[in-house]
Amino acid sequence: MMVVPKRIGIGLAVALLAAACGGGGTPALSSSTSAAPASASTAPTTAAGSSGPTSSAGPSSAASPAPGGSASGTPPILTPNLCDMLDVATIGSITSLSVSAGKPISADVSNTGHCLWAATTTLGLELTGYTEAQIAPKMAATVPGFQNVPGLGQGAKGTVAALPGTNIKVASLFVDFGSYGLLFALNSPNATVDQNVQLANALK
C-alpha cells in the first residue's frame, strides 16, 4: 500500500478539485497543519479517470435534513470563520470520524477560506467557502463523475472516488446557496456523498 505523504493532504486535493471544476485553482494549503487529511477534493481528479462514483456514493433520498438546515428553504448563515458552521459532535455522528476541533485556514484569491477538522493525517473533513462569483463556474462545469444532488440550495453536485493506493474514499460536494457556495471534502474509508448532504443539512 502506498504511504500517503502528509502534504498530499486536503490542500493539494482542493487545488486539483478546483482546477477540475474550472475557475482558478486553489493552491496547496501550505499553511495547513501536517495533520491535514488528504481531501475529498481529490475526488474529481480521480473520478475523471474512473467510471464515476460507486453506487453507494450517490445521494439517496434517505438522508434526512436537520430542522433549520439548508433543506429547510432558508440557507444557513455564512460565518466569517467556517469552523463555526459545524461542530465536532455533529461531524462525528454523521461520519463516524473522531475529528479534532476545526482549524481555520486563510482565504486566497479563489475562495473565502477553509476549515479543517482532522481525524488523522489522511482522514477528516474540509469545508471551503466561495463567493457566488467563485462557485458559479464550478457549478456550471461538466466534470466526469459528478452527479446533481437535488434539494440543496440553488444547486449541488457531488462525487466519490478512491484515493489511489489507499482504502480511503474521497467524497466531494459543491453546494450553491445563492449568495455563496461551499465545498464539503470528506476523506474516510466509508465516505459518501450522502454524508456530505447530511453535513450540509446540519449547518448552523
N, C-alpha and C. Protein backbone atom coordinates (compact mmCIF):
# COMPACT_ATOMS: atom_id res chain seq x y z
N MET A 1 0.85 -1.19 0.00
CA MET A 1 0.00 0.00 0.00
C MET A 1 0.88 1.24 0.00
N MET A 2 0.53 2.20 -0.82
CA MET A 2 1.29 3.42 -0.90
C MET A 2 1.07 4.24 0.36
N VAL A 3 2.14 4.81 0.90
CA VAL A 3 2.01 5.70 2.04
C VAL A 3 1.66 7.08 1.50
N VAL A 4 0.59 7.66 2.01
CA VAL A 4 0.17 8.98 1.55
C VAL A 4 0.96 10.03 2.31
N PRO A 5 1.74 10.85 1.61
CA PRO A 5 2.51 11.88 2.31
C PRO A 5 1.58 12.85 3.02
N LYS A 6 2.04 13.37 4.15
CA LYS A 6 1.20 14.29 4.90
C LYS A 6 0.82 15.50 4.07
N ARG A 7 1.73 15.97 3.24
CA ARG A 7 1.46 17.18 2.48
C ARG A 7 0.62 16.95 1.23
N ILE A 8 0.23 15.69 0.95
CA ILE A 8 -0.72 15.49 -0.14
C ILE A 8 -2.10 15.88 0.32
N GLY A 9 -2.23 16.16 1.61
CA GLY A 9 -3.46 16.45 2.30
C GLY A 9 -4.50 17.28 1.57
N ILE A 10 -5.39 17.81 2.30
CA ILE A 10 -6.55 18.49 1.76
C ILE A 10 -6.16 19.61 0.82
N GLY A 11 -5.10 20.32 1.11
CA GLY A 11 -4.73 21.46 0.27
C GLY A 11 -4.51 21.09 -1.17
N LEU A 12 -3.69 20.08 -1.42
CA LEU A 12 -3.43 19.65 -2.79
C LEU A 12 -4.70 19.14 -3.43
N ALA A 13 -5.47 18.40 -2.65
CA ALA A 13 -6.71 17.85 -3.18
C ALA A 13 -7.66 18.95 -3.59
N VAL A 14 -7.79 19.99 -2.78
CA VAL A 14 -8.66 21.11 -3.12
C VAL A 14 -8.16 21.79 -4.39
N ALA A 15 -6.84 21.90 -4.53
CA ALA A 15 -6.28 22.51 -5.73
C ALA A 15 -6.67 21.71 -6.96
N LEU A 16 -6.57 20.40 -6.88
CA LEU A 16 -6.91 19.55 -8.01
C LEU A 16 -8.39 19.64 -8.32
N LEU A 17 -9.22 19.68 -7.29
CA LEU A 17 -10.66 19.75 -7.48
C LEU A 17 -11.05 21.07 -8.12
N ALA A 18 -10.49 22.16 -7.61
CA ALA A 18 -10.83 23.47 -8.15
C ALA A 18 -10.43 23.56 -9.61
N ALA A 19 -9.27 23.00 -9.95
CA ALA A 19 -8.82 23.02 -11.33
C ALA A 19 -9.75 22.19 -12.20
N ALA A 20 -10.17 21.03 -11.69
CA ALA A 20 -11.05 20.15 -12.46
C ALA A 20 -12.40 20.78 -12.69
N CYS A 21 -12.86 21.58 -11.74
CA CYS A 21 -14.20 22.16 -11.86
C CYS A 21 -14.18 23.55 -12.46
N GLY A 22 -13.02 23.97 -12.93
CA GLY A 22 -12.94 25.25 -13.63
C GLY A 22 -12.87 26.42 -12.67
N GLY A 23 -12.37 27.51 -13.18
CA GLY A 23 -12.34 28.74 -12.41
C GLY A 23 -11.24 28.77 -11.38
N GLY A 24 -10.01 28.80 -11.80
CA GLY A 24 -8.89 29.06 -10.91
C GLY A 24 -8.62 27.99 -9.91
N GLY A 25 -7.41 27.56 -9.82
CA GLY A 25 -7.04 26.53 -8.87
C GLY A 25 -6.82 27.09 -7.49
N THR A 26 -7.00 26.27 -6.50
CA THR A 26 -6.70 26.63 -5.13
C THR A 26 -5.31 26.11 -4.83
N PRO A 27 -4.40 26.95 -4.39
CA PRO A 27 -3.06 26.46 -4.12
C PRO A 27 -3.07 25.46 -2.98
N ALA A 28 -2.06 24.58 -2.98
CA ALA A 28 -1.94 23.65 -1.87
C ALA A 28 -1.85 24.45 -0.59
N LEU A 29 -2.55 23.99 0.43
CA LEU A 29 -2.66 24.77 1.65
C LEU A 29 -1.42 24.58 2.51
N SER A 30 -0.35 25.25 2.12
CA SER A 30 0.89 25.08 2.86
C SER A 30 0.77 25.62 4.27
N SER A 31 -0.23 26.47 4.51
CA SER A 31 -0.41 27.00 5.85
C SER A 31 -1.14 26.02 6.75
N SER A 32 -1.68 24.93 6.16
CA SER A 32 -2.40 23.97 6.98
C SER A 32 -1.42 23.12 7.77
N THR A 33 -1.94 22.49 8.81
CA THR A 33 -1.10 21.68 9.65
C THR A 33 -0.71 20.40 8.96
N SER A 34 0.31 19.72 9.46
CA SER A 34 0.73 18.47 8.86
C SER A 34 -0.30 17.38 9.09
N ALA A 35 -1.28 17.67 9.92
CA ALA A 35 -2.33 16.68 10.17
C ALA A 35 -3.46 16.81 9.17
N ALA A 36 -3.29 17.64 8.16
CA ALA A 36 -4.35 17.82 7.17
C ALA A 36 -4.64 16.52 6.45
N PRO A 37 -5.90 16.10 6.47
CA PRO A 37 -6.23 14.87 5.76
C PRO A 37 -6.16 15.09 4.26
N ALA A 38 -5.90 14.01 3.54
CA ALA A 38 -5.98 14.10 2.09
C ALA A 38 -7.43 14.33 1.76
N SER A 39 -7.69 15.41 1.06
CA SER A 39 -9.06 15.87 0.97
C SER A 39 -9.92 15.16 -0.03
N ALA A 40 -11.19 15.26 0.25
CA ALA A 40 -12.17 14.79 -0.69
C ALA A 40 -12.05 15.56 -1.97
N SER A 41 -11.39 16.68 -1.93
CA SER A 41 -11.28 17.47 -3.12
C SER A 41 -10.51 16.75 -4.20
N THR A 42 -9.77 15.74 -3.85
CA THR A 42 -9.07 14.96 -4.85
C THR A 42 -10.06 14.23 -5.74
N ALA A 43 -11.24 14.03 -5.24
CA ALA A 43 -12.20 13.16 -5.92
C ALA A 43 -12.43 13.47 -7.38
N PRO A 44 -12.67 14.74 -7.77
CA PRO A 44 -12.96 14.96 -9.16
C PRO A 44 -11.82 14.55 -10.07
N THR A 45 -10.57 14.82 -9.66
CA THR A 45 -9.45 14.44 -10.48
C THR A 45 -9.40 12.93 -10.61
N THR A 46 -9.59 12.25 -9.48
CA THR A 46 -9.60 10.79 -9.52
C THR A 46 -10.79 10.29 -10.30
N ALA A 47 -11.94 10.92 -10.05
CA ALA A 47 -13.16 10.47 -10.70
C ALA A 47 -13.09 10.67 -12.20
N ALA A 48 -12.37 11.70 -12.63
CA ALA A 48 -12.32 11.99 -14.05
C ALA A 48 -11.70 10.83 -14.82
N GLY A 49 -10.84 10.08 -14.15
CA GLY A 49 -10.21 8.97 -14.83
C GLY A 49 -10.86 7.65 -14.50
N SER A 50 -11.97 7.70 -13.80
CA SER A 50 -12.64 6.47 -13.41
C SER A 50 -13.99 6.38 -14.09
N SER A 51 -14.70 5.35 -13.76
CA SER A 51 -16.01 5.17 -14.37
C SER A 51 -17.08 5.94 -13.63
N GLY A 52 -16.67 6.76 -12.66
CA GLY A 52 -17.64 7.58 -11.93
C GLY A 52 -17.87 7.03 -10.55
N PRO A 53 -18.75 7.67 -9.80
CA PRO A 53 -18.98 7.28 -8.42
C PRO A 53 -19.57 5.88 -8.31
N THR A 54 -19.27 5.23 -7.22
CA THR A 54 -19.84 3.92 -6.98
C THR A 54 -21.29 4.09 -6.58
N SER A 55 -22.05 3.02 -6.66
CA SER A 55 -23.47 3.13 -6.36
C SER A 55 -23.73 3.55 -4.93
N SER A 56 -22.83 3.20 -4.03
CA SER A 56 -23.04 3.58 -2.62
C SER A 56 -22.73 5.04 -2.38
N ALA A 57 -22.06 5.69 -3.36
CA ALA A 57 -21.64 7.06 -3.15
C ALA A 57 -22.70 8.06 -3.52
N GLY A 58 -23.61 7.69 -4.37
CA GLY A 58 -24.59 8.63 -4.86
C GLY A 58 -25.55 9.06 -3.76
N PRO A 59 -26.13 10.24 -3.94
CA PRO A 59 -27.07 10.71 -2.94
C PRO A 59 -28.31 9.83 -2.89
N SER A 60 -28.85 9.66 -1.72
CA SER A 60 -30.08 8.86 -1.60
C SER A 60 -31.14 9.71 -0.93
N SER A 61 -32.36 9.32 -1.12
CA SER A 61 -33.45 10.06 -0.51
C SER A 61 -33.54 9.78 0.98
N ALA A 62 -32.70 8.88 1.48
CA ALA A 62 -32.76 8.52 2.89
C ALA A 62 -32.13 9.59 3.78
N ALA A 63 -31.29 10.46 3.20
CA ALA A 63 -30.64 11.48 4.01
C ALA A 63 -31.70 12.46 4.48
N SER A 64 -31.88 12.55 5.80
CA SER A 64 -32.93 13.42 6.32
C SER A 64 -32.34 14.74 6.77
N PRO A 65 -32.88 15.85 6.27
CA PRO A 65 -32.36 17.15 6.65
C PRO A 65 -32.65 17.49 8.10
N ALA A 66 -31.73 18.22 8.70
CA ALA A 66 -31.94 18.68 10.06
C ALA A 66 -32.82 19.92 10.03
N PRO A 67 -33.68 20.09 11.05
CA PRO A 67 -34.51 21.29 11.08
C PRO A 67 -33.64 22.53 11.03
N GLY A 68 -34.03 23.47 10.20
CA GLY A 68 -33.28 24.72 10.10
C GLY A 68 -32.08 24.61 9.20
N GLY A 69 -31.80 23.44 8.65
CA GLY A 69 -30.65 23.26 7.79
C GLY A 69 -30.92 23.78 6.40
N SER A 70 -30.00 23.47 5.48
CA SER A 70 -30.07 24.03 4.15
C SER A 70 -31.27 23.55 3.37
N ALA A 71 -31.87 22.42 3.75
CA ALA A 71 -33.02 21.92 3.02
C ALA A 71 -34.32 22.52 3.54
N SER A 72 -34.26 23.39 4.54
CA SER A 72 -35.48 23.95 5.11
C SER A 72 -36.00 25.13 4.31
N GLY A 73 -35.26 25.54 3.26
CA GLY A 73 -35.67 26.66 2.44
C GLY A 73 -34.91 27.93 2.76
N THR A 74 -34.37 28.03 3.95
CA THR A 74 -33.56 29.18 4.34
C THR A 74 -32.10 28.76 4.40
N PRO A 75 -31.25 29.37 3.58
CA PRO A 75 -29.84 28.95 3.60
C PRO A 75 -29.19 29.25 4.94
N PRO A 76 -28.24 28.43 5.34
CA PRO A 76 -27.52 28.72 6.58
C PRO A 76 -26.73 30.01 6.43
N ILE A 77 -26.44 30.62 7.56
CA ILE A 77 -25.69 31.88 7.54
C ILE A 77 -24.22 31.58 7.35
N LEU A 78 -23.61 32.25 6.37
CA LEU A 78 -22.17 32.10 6.13
C LEU A 78 -21.42 32.88 7.20
N THR A 79 -20.65 32.20 8.01
CA THR A 79 -19.90 32.86 9.08
C THR A 79 -18.50 33.20 8.61
N PRO A 80 -17.89 34.27 9.15
CA PRO A 80 -16.52 34.63 8.77
C PRO A 80 -15.54 33.48 9.01
N ASN A 81 -15.77 32.75 10.11
CA ASN A 81 -14.96 31.57 10.42
C ASN A 81 -15.81 30.34 10.09
N LEU A 82 -15.45 29.63 9.01
CA LEU A 82 -16.25 28.48 8.59
C LEU A 82 -16.32 27.40 9.67
N CYS A 83 -15.37 27.40 10.60
CA CYS A 83 -15.38 26.40 11.67
C CYS A 83 -16.59 26.55 12.58
N ASP A 84 -17.23 27.72 12.55
CA ASP A 84 -18.41 27.94 13.38
C ASP A 84 -19.68 27.33 12.77
N MET A 85 -19.58 26.81 11.54
CA MET A 85 -20.77 26.31 10.86
C MET A 85 -21.07 24.84 11.16
N LEU A 86 -20.09 24.12 11.68
CA LEU A 86 -20.28 22.72 12.08
C LEU A 86 -19.52 22.49 13.38
N ASP A 87 -19.94 21.50 14.16
CA ASP A 87 -19.22 21.18 15.39
C ASP A 87 -18.73 19.73 15.34
N VAL A 88 -17.79 19.45 16.21
CA VAL A 88 -17.15 18.13 16.26
C VAL A 88 -18.17 17.02 16.46
N ALA A 89 -19.13 17.22 17.36
CA ALA A 89 -20.12 16.18 17.67
C ALA A 89 -20.97 15.86 16.44
N THR A 90 -21.38 16.88 15.71
CA THR A 90 -22.20 16.67 14.51
C THR A 90 -21.40 15.91 13.46
N ILE A 91 -20.17 16.33 13.22
CA ILE A 91 -19.33 15.66 12.23
C ILE A 91 -19.12 14.20 12.62
N GLY A 92 -18.85 13.96 13.90
CA GLY A 92 -18.63 12.60 14.38
C GLY A 92 -19.86 11.72 14.22
N SER A 93 -21.04 12.28 14.53
CA SER A 93 -22.26 11.47 14.45
C SER A 93 -22.61 11.10 13.01
N ILE A 94 -22.26 11.95 12.06
CA ILE A 94 -22.59 11.69 10.66
C ILE A 94 -21.54 10.83 9.97
N THR A 95 -20.27 11.08 10.28
CA THR A 95 -19.19 10.41 9.55
C THR A 95 -18.53 9.27 10.31
N SER A 96 -18.80 9.15 11.60
CA SER A 96 -18.13 8.18 12.49
C SER A 96 -16.64 8.43 12.62
N LEU A 97 -16.19 9.63 12.28
CA LEU A 97 -14.79 10.02 12.47
C LEU A 97 -14.66 10.78 13.79
N SER A 98 -13.58 10.53 14.49
CA SER A 98 -13.29 11.26 15.71
C SER A 98 -12.35 12.42 15.34
N VAL A 99 -12.95 13.55 14.99
CA VAL A 99 -12.16 14.68 14.50
C VAL A 99 -11.80 15.63 15.63
N SER A 100 -10.71 16.36 15.40
CA SER A 100 -10.32 17.39 16.35
C SER A 100 -11.08 18.67 16.05
N ALA A 101 -10.94 19.65 16.92
CA ALA A 101 -11.61 20.94 16.72
C ALA A 101 -11.20 21.52 15.38
N GLY A 102 -12.12 22.23 14.75
CA GLY A 102 -11.83 22.81 13.44
C GLY A 102 -10.71 23.83 13.51
N LYS A 103 -9.87 23.81 12.47
CA LYS A 103 -8.78 24.78 12.36
C LYS A 103 -9.01 25.64 11.12
N PRO A 104 -9.19 26.95 11.32
CA PRO A 104 -9.40 27.81 10.16
C PRO A 104 -8.14 27.94 9.32
N ILE A 105 -8.33 28.02 8.01
CA ILE A 105 -7.23 28.21 7.06
C ILE A 105 -7.58 29.42 6.22
N SER A 106 -6.62 30.30 6.03
CA SER A 106 -6.87 31.58 5.37
C SER A 106 -7.38 31.43 3.95
N ALA A 107 -8.12 32.44 3.52
CA ALA A 107 -8.61 32.51 2.15
C ALA A 107 -7.47 32.83 1.20
N ASP A 108 -7.72 32.59 -0.08
CA ASP A 108 -6.83 33.07 -1.12
C ASP A 108 -7.70 33.64 -2.24
N VAL A 109 -7.12 33.90 -3.40
CA VAL A 109 -7.88 34.56 -4.45
C VAL A 109 -9.02 33.72 -5.00
N SER A 110 -9.01 32.40 -4.76
CA SER A 110 -10.04 31.55 -5.35
C SER A 110 -11.11 31.10 -4.37
N ASN A 111 -11.04 31.53 -3.10
CA ASN A 111 -12.05 31.12 -2.12
C ASN A 111 -12.10 32.13 -0.99
N THR A 112 -13.05 31.92 -0.07
CA THR A 112 -13.19 32.84 1.06
C THR A 112 -12.62 32.27 2.35
N GLY A 113 -12.03 31.09 2.28
CA GLY A 113 -11.43 30.47 3.46
C GLY A 113 -11.83 29.01 3.58
N HIS A 114 -11.23 28.36 4.57
CA HIS A 114 -11.45 26.94 4.79
C HIS A 114 -11.56 26.67 6.29
N CYS A 115 -12.09 25.50 6.63
CA CYS A 115 -11.96 24.95 7.97
C CYS A 115 -11.62 23.48 7.83
N LEU A 116 -10.67 23.03 8.61
CA LEU A 116 -10.22 21.64 8.57
C LEU A 116 -10.48 20.97 9.91
N TRP A 117 -11.24 19.88 9.86
CA TRP A 117 -11.45 19.02 11.03
C TRP A 117 -10.71 17.72 10.74
N ALA A 118 -9.54 17.53 11.34
CA ALA A 118 -8.71 16.37 11.04
C ALA A 118 -8.96 15.25 12.04
N ALA A 119 -9.03 14.02 11.53
CA ALA A 119 -9.09 12.84 12.38
C ALA A 119 -7.72 12.18 12.46
N THR A 120 -7.04 12.10 11.32
CA THR A 120 -5.66 11.60 11.22
C THR A 120 -4.97 12.42 10.15
N THR A 121 -3.78 12.00 9.76
CA THR A 121 -3.09 12.73 8.69
C THR A 121 -3.77 12.57 7.34
N THR A 122 -4.62 11.58 7.18
CA THR A 122 -5.28 11.36 5.90
C THR A 122 -6.81 11.34 5.98
N LEU A 123 -7.37 11.39 7.17
CA LEU A 123 -8.83 11.33 7.32
C LEU A 123 -9.36 12.62 7.93
N GLY A 124 -10.51 13.05 7.47
CA GLY A 124 -11.12 14.24 8.04
C GLY A 124 -12.04 14.93 7.06
N LEU A 125 -12.44 16.15 7.44
CA LEU A 125 -13.37 16.95 6.65
C LEU A 125 -12.78 18.34 6.47
N GLU A 126 -12.87 18.85 5.23
CA GLU A 126 -12.53 20.25 4.99
C GLU A 126 -13.70 20.93 4.34
N LEU A 127 -14.03 22.10 4.85
CA LEU A 127 -15.10 22.94 4.31
C LEU A 127 -14.44 24.16 3.69
N THR A 128 -14.78 24.45 2.43
CA THR A 128 -14.23 25.60 1.73
C THR A 128 -15.36 26.51 1.31
N GLY A 129 -15.19 27.81 1.52
CA GLY A 129 -16.20 28.79 1.16
C GLY A 129 -15.87 29.51 -0.14
N TYR A 130 -16.91 29.90 -0.87
CA TYR A 130 -16.75 30.63 -2.13
C TYR A 130 -17.77 31.76 -2.20
N THR A 131 -17.40 32.84 -2.88
CA THR A 131 -18.40 33.85 -3.23
C THR A 131 -19.29 33.25 -4.31
N GLU A 132 -20.40 33.92 -4.59
CA GLU A 132 -21.27 33.43 -5.66
C GLU A 132 -20.54 33.44 -7.00
N ALA A 133 -19.72 34.46 -7.22
CA ALA A 133 -18.97 34.53 -8.47
C ALA A 133 -17.96 33.39 -8.58
N GLN A 134 -17.43 32.93 -7.46
CA GLN A 134 -16.46 31.83 -7.48
C GLN A 134 -17.12 30.47 -7.62
N ILE A 135 -18.30 30.28 -7.02
CA ILE A 135 -18.94 28.96 -7.07
C ILE A 135 -19.66 28.75 -8.40
N ALA A 136 -20.14 29.82 -9.04
CA ALA A 136 -20.94 29.68 -10.27
C ALA A 136 -20.23 28.87 -11.36
N PRO A 137 -18.96 29.17 -11.69
CA PRO A 137 -18.32 28.37 -12.74
C PRO A 137 -18.09 26.92 -12.34
N LYS A 138 -17.94 26.66 -11.07
CA LYS A 138 -17.77 25.28 -10.61
C LYS A 138 -19.08 24.50 -10.78
N MET A 139 -20.19 25.18 -10.52
CA MET A 139 -21.48 24.53 -10.69
C MET A 139 -21.81 24.33 -12.17
N ALA A 140 -21.33 25.23 -13.01
CA ALA A 140 -21.62 25.15 -14.44
C ALA A 140 -20.73 24.14 -15.16
N ALA A 141 -19.57 23.84 -14.59
CA ALA A 141 -18.62 22.95 -15.25
C ALA A 141 -19.18 21.53 -15.33
N THR A 142 -18.85 20.86 -16.42
CA THR A 142 -19.21 19.45 -16.57
C THR A 142 -17.95 18.63 -16.28
N VAL A 143 -17.96 17.92 -15.17
CA VAL A 143 -16.81 17.12 -14.77
C VAL A 143 -17.24 15.66 -14.66
N PRO A 144 -16.56 14.76 -15.36
CA PRO A 144 -16.93 13.34 -15.29
C PRO A 144 -16.97 12.85 -13.84
N GLY A 145 -17.98 12.09 -13.51
CA GLY A 145 -18.09 11.51 -12.17
C GLY A 145 -18.99 12.29 -11.25
N PHE A 146 -19.22 13.58 -11.54
CA PHE A 146 -20.10 14.38 -10.68
C PHE A 146 -21.55 14.16 -11.05
N GLN A 147 -22.40 14.09 -10.03
CA GLN A 147 -23.84 13.93 -10.24
C GLN A 147 -24.57 15.05 -9.54
N ASN A 148 -25.67 15.51 -10.13
CA ASN A 148 -26.50 16.51 -9.48
C ASN A 148 -27.13 15.93 -8.22
N VAL A 149 -27.19 16.75 -7.18
CA VAL A 149 -27.78 16.34 -5.91
C VAL A 149 -28.98 17.25 -5.66
N PRO A 150 -30.19 16.75 -5.76
CA PRO A 150 -31.38 17.59 -5.61
C PRO A 150 -31.63 17.99 -4.16
N GLY A 151 -32.33 19.12 -4.00
CA GLY A 151 -32.81 19.51 -2.68
C GLY A 151 -31.86 20.29 -1.82
N LEU A 152 -30.73 20.73 -2.39
CA LEU A 152 -29.77 21.52 -1.60
C LEU A 152 -29.56 22.87 -2.26
N GLY A 153 -29.82 23.93 -1.53
CA GLY A 153 -29.57 25.27 -2.02
C GLY A 153 -30.19 25.51 -3.38
N GLN A 154 -29.47 26.25 -4.22
CA GLN A 154 -29.93 26.50 -5.58
C GLN A 154 -29.33 25.50 -6.56
N GLY A 155 -28.56 24.58 -6.03
CA GLY A 155 -27.95 23.55 -6.84
C GLY A 155 -26.81 22.91 -6.09
N ALA A 156 -26.58 21.63 -6.35
CA ALA A 156 -25.49 20.91 -5.70
C ALA A 156 -25.06 19.76 -6.59
N LYS A 157 -23.80 19.40 -6.50
CA LYS A 157 -23.31 18.24 -7.23
C LYS A 157 -22.17 17.61 -6.45
N GLY A 158 -22.09 16.29 -6.53
CA GLY A 158 -21.08 15.59 -5.75
C GLY A 158 -20.54 14.36 -6.46
N THR A 159 -19.48 13.83 -5.89
CA THR A 159 -18.86 12.62 -6.40
C THR A 159 -18.10 11.94 -5.28
N VAL A 160 -17.75 10.70 -5.51
CA VAL A 160 -16.91 9.96 -4.58
C VAL A 160 -15.98 9.09 -5.40
N ALA A 161 -14.76 8.93 -4.92
CA ALA A 161 -13.78 8.10 -5.62
C ALA A 161 -12.78 7.58 -4.60
N ALA A 162 -11.99 6.63 -5.02
CA ALA A 162 -10.96 6.06 -4.15
C ALA A 162 -9.70 6.91 -4.24
N LEU A 163 -9.06 7.14 -3.09
CA LEU A 163 -7.76 7.79 -3.08
C LEU A 163 -6.74 6.73 -3.49
N PRO A 164 -6.04 6.93 -4.59
CA PRO A 164 -5.16 5.87 -5.11
C PRO A 164 -4.18 5.34 -4.08
N GLY A 165 -4.05 4.00 -4.08
CA GLY A 165 -3.09 3.35 -3.20
C GLY A 165 -3.52 3.23 -1.75
N THR A 166 -4.78 3.57 -1.46
CA THR A 166 -5.27 3.50 -0.08
C THR A 166 -6.66 2.87 -0.07
N ASN A 167 -7.18 2.67 1.15
CA ASN A 167 -8.56 2.20 1.28
C ASN A 167 -9.49 3.38 1.57
N ILE A 168 -9.00 4.59 1.33
CA ILE A 168 -9.75 5.81 1.67
C ILE A 168 -10.63 6.24 0.50
N LYS A 169 -11.88 6.54 0.82
CA LYS A 169 -12.79 7.11 -0.16
C LYS A 169 -12.81 8.62 0.03
N VAL A 170 -12.92 9.31 -1.08
CA VAL A 170 -12.90 10.76 -1.10
C VAL A 170 -14.24 11.24 -1.65
N ALA A 171 -15.04 11.87 -0.80
CA ALA A 171 -16.37 12.34 -1.21
C ALA A 171 -16.37 13.86 -1.24
N SER A 172 -16.85 14.42 -2.35
CA SER A 172 -16.88 15.88 -2.53
C SER A 172 -18.30 16.32 -2.85
N LEU A 173 -18.67 17.46 -2.31
CA LEU A 173 -20.00 18.02 -2.58
C LEU A 173 -19.90 19.54 -2.67
N PHE A 174 -20.26 20.09 -3.85
CA PHE A 174 -20.39 21.53 -4.03
C PHE A 174 -21.85 21.90 -3.82
N VAL A 175 -22.09 22.98 -3.05
CA VAL A 175 -23.45 23.48 -2.88
C VAL A 175 -23.46 24.98 -3.14
N ASP A 176 -24.38 25.43 -3.99
CA ASP A 176 -24.58 26.85 -4.25
C ASP A 176 -25.79 27.31 -3.45
N PHE A 177 -25.56 28.18 -2.47
CA PHE A 177 -26.66 28.65 -1.63
C PHE A 177 -27.28 29.95 -2.14
N GLY A 178 -26.88 30.40 -3.31
CA GLY A 178 -27.49 31.59 -3.91
C GLY A 178 -26.64 32.83 -3.76
N SER A 179 -26.11 33.08 -2.58
CA SER A 179 -25.24 34.24 -2.39
C SER A 179 -23.81 33.82 -2.04
N TYR A 180 -23.60 32.54 -1.84
CA TYR A 180 -22.27 31.98 -1.59
C TYR A 180 -22.33 30.49 -1.85
N GLY A 181 -21.17 29.86 -1.85
CA GLY A 181 -21.11 28.42 -2.06
C GLY A 181 -20.16 27.76 -1.10
N LEU A 182 -20.32 26.45 -0.94
CA LEU A 182 -19.46 25.66 -0.07
C LEU A 182 -19.03 24.38 -0.77
N LEU A 183 -17.84 23.93 -0.44
CA LEU A 183 -17.36 22.61 -0.86
C LEU A 183 -17.12 21.78 0.39
N PHE A 184 -17.77 20.63 0.48
CA PHE A 184 -17.54 19.66 1.54
C PHE A 184 -16.60 18.61 0.97
N ALA A 185 -15.47 18.40 1.63
CA ALA A 185 -14.48 17.43 1.17
C ALA A 185 -14.21 16.46 2.32
N LEU A 186 -14.71 15.24 2.18
CA LEU A 186 -14.66 14.25 3.25
C LEU A 186 -13.79 13.06 2.85
N ASN A 187 -12.83 12.72 3.69
CA ASN A 187 -11.97 11.55 3.50
C ASN A 187 -12.20 10.56 4.61
N SER A 188 -12.65 9.37 4.26
CA SER A 188 -12.73 8.28 5.23
C SER A 188 -12.90 6.99 4.46
N PRO A 189 -12.67 5.85 5.11
CA PRO A 189 -12.86 4.57 4.39
C PRO A 189 -14.30 4.37 3.94
N ASN A 190 -15.26 5.06 4.59
CA ASN A 190 -16.67 4.88 4.26
C ASN A 190 -17.34 6.17 3.78
N ALA A 191 -16.56 7.12 3.27
CA ALA A 191 -17.11 8.41 2.87
C ALA A 191 -18.11 8.27 1.74
N THR A 192 -19.23 8.99 1.84
CA THR A 192 -20.24 9.00 0.79
C THR A 192 -20.71 10.43 0.56
N VAL A 193 -21.31 10.66 -0.60
CA VAL A 193 -21.93 11.95 -0.87
C VAL A 193 -23.08 12.19 0.10
N ASP A 194 -23.80 11.12 0.46
CA ASP A 194 -24.90 11.27 1.42
C ASP A 194 -24.43 11.85 2.75
N GLN A 195 -23.25 11.45 3.20
CA GLN A 195 -22.73 12.02 4.44
C GLN A 195 -22.52 13.52 4.28
N ASN A 196 -21.98 13.94 3.12
CA ASN A 196 -21.81 15.37 2.88
C ASN A 196 -23.16 16.08 2.82
N VAL A 197 -24.18 15.43 2.24
CA VAL A 197 -25.52 16.01 2.21
C VAL A 197 -26.04 16.21 3.64
N GLN A 198 -25.83 15.22 4.49
CA GLN A 198 -26.27 15.35 5.88
C GLN A 198 -25.51 16.47 6.58
N LEU A 199 -24.23 16.61 6.30
CA LEU A 199 -23.45 17.70 6.89
C LEU A 199 -23.98 19.05 6.39
N ALA A 200 -24.31 19.14 5.11
CA ALA A 200 -24.87 20.39 4.57
C ALA A 200 -26.19 20.73 5.25
N ASN A 201 -26.99 19.71 5.50
CA ASN A 201 -28.29 19.94 6.15
C ASN A 201 -28.15 20.26 7.63
N ALA A 202 -26.98 19.96 8.20
CA ALA A 202 -26.76 20.20 9.63
C ALA A 202 -26.04 21.53 9.89
N LEU A 203 -25.75 22.30 8.84
CA LEU A 203 -25.07 23.58 9.04
C LEU A 203 -25.88 24.47 9.96
N LYS A 204 -25.19 25.21 10.80
CA LYS A 204 -25.85 26.09 11.78
C LYS A 204 -26.37 27.33 11.11
